[in-house]
């Protein structure tokens, strides 16, 4: 009898739960690099965008500018997610 979830899927669920708890307990400067590691480790780690938006909603000031242009953190994280997924497709990684 086969299992319902593979080891990799179980790991991804555990990581997502850990990140959700960490949002409330860990400083942002530790959590953001950990989210980037998850973004490179997992395929299509959309949780990166979800948790970045949640971090912005909880701790963001809403006043971000980049060279005079006002930016949106959810839009920025979505762009980062898409760019990194394109880069990962062009690099040689072990696909999970």
C-alpha atoms as a PDB file:
ATOM      1  CA  UNK A   1       0.000   0.000   0.000  1.00  0.00           C
ATOM      2  CA  UNK A   2       1.456   3.345  -1.008  1.00  0.00           C
ATOM      3  CA  UNK A   3       1.607   6.317   1.278  1.00  0.00           C
ATOM      4  CA  UNK A   4      -0.638   9.305   0.648  1.00  0.00           C
ATOM      5  CA  UNK A   5       2.196  11.819   0.900  1.00  0.00           C
ATOM      6  CA  UNK A   6       5.830  11.398  -0.057  1.00  0.00           C
ATOM      7  CA  UNK A   7       8.661  12.330   2.277  1.00  0.00           C
ATOM      8  CA  UNK A   8       9.273  15.531   0.326  1.00  0.00           C
ATOM      9  CA  UNK A   9       5.622  16.587   0.642  1.00  0.00           C
ATOM     10  CA  UNK A  10       5.643  15.873   4.365  1.00  0.00           C
ATOM     11  CA  UNK A  11       8.848  17.893   4.709  1.00  0.00           C
ATOM     12  CA  UNK A  12       7.309  20.813   2.828  1.00  0.00           C
ATOM     13  CA  UNK A  13       4.232  20.784   5.090  1.00  0.00           C
ATOM     14  CA  UNK A  14       6.425  20.693   8.217  1.00  0.00           C
ATOM     15  CA  UNK A  15       8.546  23.571   6.883  1.00  0.00           C
ATOM     16  CA  UNK A  16       5.420  25.615   6.108  1.00  0.00           C
ATOM     17  CA  UNK A  17       4.037  25.067   9.607  1.00  0.00           C
ATOM     18  CA  UNK A  18       7.435  25.938  11.105  1.00  0.00           C
ATOM     19  CA  UNK A  19       7.609  29.155   9.064  1.00  0.00           C
ATOM     20  CA  UNK A  20       4.093  30.095  10.127  1.00  0.00           C
ATOM     21  CA  UNK A  21       4.993  29.696  13.804  1.00  0.00           C
ATOM     22  CA  UNK A  22       8.349  31.425  13.267  1.00  0.00           C
ATOM     23  CA  UNK A  23       6.633  34.533  11.897  1.00  0.00           C
ATOM     24  CA  UNK A  24       5.391  35.231  15.417  1.00  0.00           C
ATOM     25  CA  UNK A  25       8.526  34.154  17.309  1.00  0.00           C
ATOM     26  CA  UNK A  26      11.608  34.831  15.181  1.00  0.00           C
ATOM     27  CA  UNK A  27      12.998  38.224  14.111  1.00  0.00           C
ATOM     28  CA  UNK A  28      12.436  39.122  10.456  1.00  0.00           C
ATOM     29  CA  UNK A  29      16.176  39.285   9.727  1.00  0.00           C
ATOM     30  CA  UNK A  30      16.442  35.555  10.502  1.00  0.00           C
ATOM     31  CA  UNK A  31      13.178  34.540   8.843  1.00  0.00           C
ATOM     32  CA  UNK A  32      13.729  36.237   5.465  1.00  0.00           C
ATOM     33  CA  UNK A  33      16.989  34.352   4.688  1.00  0.00           C
ATOM     34  CA  UNK A  34      15.316  31.109   5.779  1.00  0.00           C
ATOM     35  CA  UNK A  35      12.449  31.808   3.366  1.00  0.00           C
ATOM     36  CA  UNK A  36      14.970  32.331   0.566  1.00  0.00           C
ATOM     37  CA  UNK A  37      16.567  28.978   1.382  1.00  0.00           C
ATOM     38  CA  UNK A  38      13.127  27.369   1.156  1.00  0.00           C
ATOM     39  CA  UNK A  39      12.562  29.160  -2.136  1.00  0.00           C
ATOM     40  CA  UNK A  40      15.689  27.579  -3.595  1.00  0.00           C
ATOM     41  CA  UNK A  41      15.156  24.153  -2.014  1.00  0.00           C
ATOM     42  CA  UNK A  42      11.502  23.510  -2.910  1.00  0.00           C
ATOM     43  CA  UNK A  43       9.972  23.667  -6.353  1.00  0.00           C
ATOM     44  CA  UNK A  44       7.405  26.459  -6.703  1.00  0.00           C
ATOM     45  CA  UNK A  45       7.633  27.487  -3.045  1.00  0.00           C
ATOM     46  CA  UNK A  46       4.631  29.826  -3.225  1.00  0.00           C
ATOM     47  CA  UNK A  47       4.672  29.862   0.562  1.00  0.00           C
ATOM     48  CA  UNK A  48       7.507  32.395   0.163  1.00  0.00           C
ATOM     49  CA  UNK A  49       5.062  34.943  -1.210  1.00  0.00           C
ATOM     50  CA  UNK A  50       2.353  34.052   1.310  1.00  0.00           C
ATOM     51  CA  UNK A  51       4.650  34.372   4.324  1.00  0.00           C
ATOM     52  CA  UNK A  52       6.265  37.557   2.997  1.00  0.00           C
ATOM     53  CA  UNK A  53       2.814  39.128   2.626  1.00  0.00           C
ATOM     54  CA  UNK A  54       1.898  37.959   6.127  1.00  0.00           C
ATOM     55  CA  UNK A  55       5.136  39.450   7.484  1.00  0.00           C
ATOM     56  CA  UNK A  56       4.331  42.725   5.737  1.00  0.00           C
ATOM     57  CA  UNK A  57       0.805  42.749   7.126  1.00  0.00           C
ATOM     58  CA  UNK A  58       2.007  42.077  10.665  1.00  0.00           C
ATOM     59  CA  UNK A  59       5.158  44.182  10.855  1.00  0.00           C
ATOM     60  CA  UNK A  60       5.259  46.431   7.784  1.00  0.00           C
ATOM     61  CA  UNK A  61       4.947  50.188   7.980  1.00  0.00           C
ATOM     62  CA  UNK A  62       3.474  50.607   4.505  1.00  0.00           C
ATOM     63  CA  UNK A  63       6.014  53.290   3.592  1.00  0.00           C
ATOM     64  CA  UNK A  64       8.548  51.670   1.295  1.00  0.00           C
ATOM     65  CA  UNK A  65      10.395  53.489  -1.442  1.00  0.00           C
ATOM     66  CA  UNK A  66      13.177  52.478  -3.791  1.00  0.00           C
ATOM     67  CA  UNK A  67      14.994  55.372  -5.467  1.00  0.00           C
ATOM     68  CA  UNK A  68      11.917  57.528  -4.982  1.00  0.00           C
ATOM     69  CA  UNK A  69       9.454  54.938  -6.309  1.00  0.00           C
ATOM     70  CA  UNK A  70       6.896  53.549  -3.906  1.00  0.00           C
ATOM     71  CA  UNK A  71       6.923  49.757  -3.957  1.00  0.00           C
ATOM     72  CA  UNK A  72       4.560  47.113  -2.717  1.00  0.00           C
ATOM     73  CA  UNK A  73       6.100  44.260  -0.744  1.00  0.00           C
ATOM     74  CA  UNK A  74       3.591  41.667  -2.054  1.00  0.00           C
ATOM     75  CA  UNK A  75       4.344  42.707  -5.636  1.00  0.00           C
ATOM     76  CA  UNK A  76       8.087  42.688  -4.969  1.00  0.00           C
ATOM     77  CA  UNK A  77       7.994  39.198  -3.457  1.00  0.00           C
ATOM     78  CA  UNK A  78       5.933  37.919  -6.368  1.00  0.00           C
ATOM     79  CA  UNK A  79       8.508  39.317  -8.800  1.00  0.00           C
ATOM     80  CA  UNK A  80      11.350  37.751  -6.789  1.00  0.00           C
ATOM     81  CA  UNK A  81       9.491  34.427  -6.760  1.00  0.00           C
ATOM     82  CA  UNK A  82       9.016  34.459 -10.553  1.00  0.00           C
ATOM     83  CA  UNK A  83      12.607  35.506 -11.277  1.00  0.00           C
ATOM     84  CA  UNK A  84      14.089  32.849  -8.997  1.00  0.00           C
ATOM     85  CA  UNK A  85      11.846  30.148 -10.492  1.00  0.00           C
ATOM     86  CA  UNK A  86      13.038  31.143 -13.977  1.00  0.00           C
ATOM     87  CA  UNK A  87      16.652  31.057 -12.796  1.00  0.00           C
ATOM     88  CA  UNK A  88      16.121  27.651 -11.168  1.00  0.00           C
ATOM     89  CA  UNK A  89      14.715  26.270 -14.436  1.00  0.00           C
ATOM     90  CA  UNK A  90      17.892  27.377 -16.225  1.00  0.00           C
ATOM     91  CA  UNK A  91      20.243  25.917 -13.606  1.00  0.00           C
ATOM     92  CA  UNK A  92      20.811  22.242 -12.997  1.00  0.00           C
ATOM     93  CA  UNK A  93      19.128  21.178  -9.785  1.00  0.00           C
ATOM     94  CA  UNK A  94      17.951  17.844  -8.494  1.00  0.00           C
ATOM     95  CA  UNK A  95      14.197  18.046  -9.122  1.00  0.00           C
ATOM     96  CA  UNK A  96      12.131  16.832  -6.205  1.00  0.00           C
END
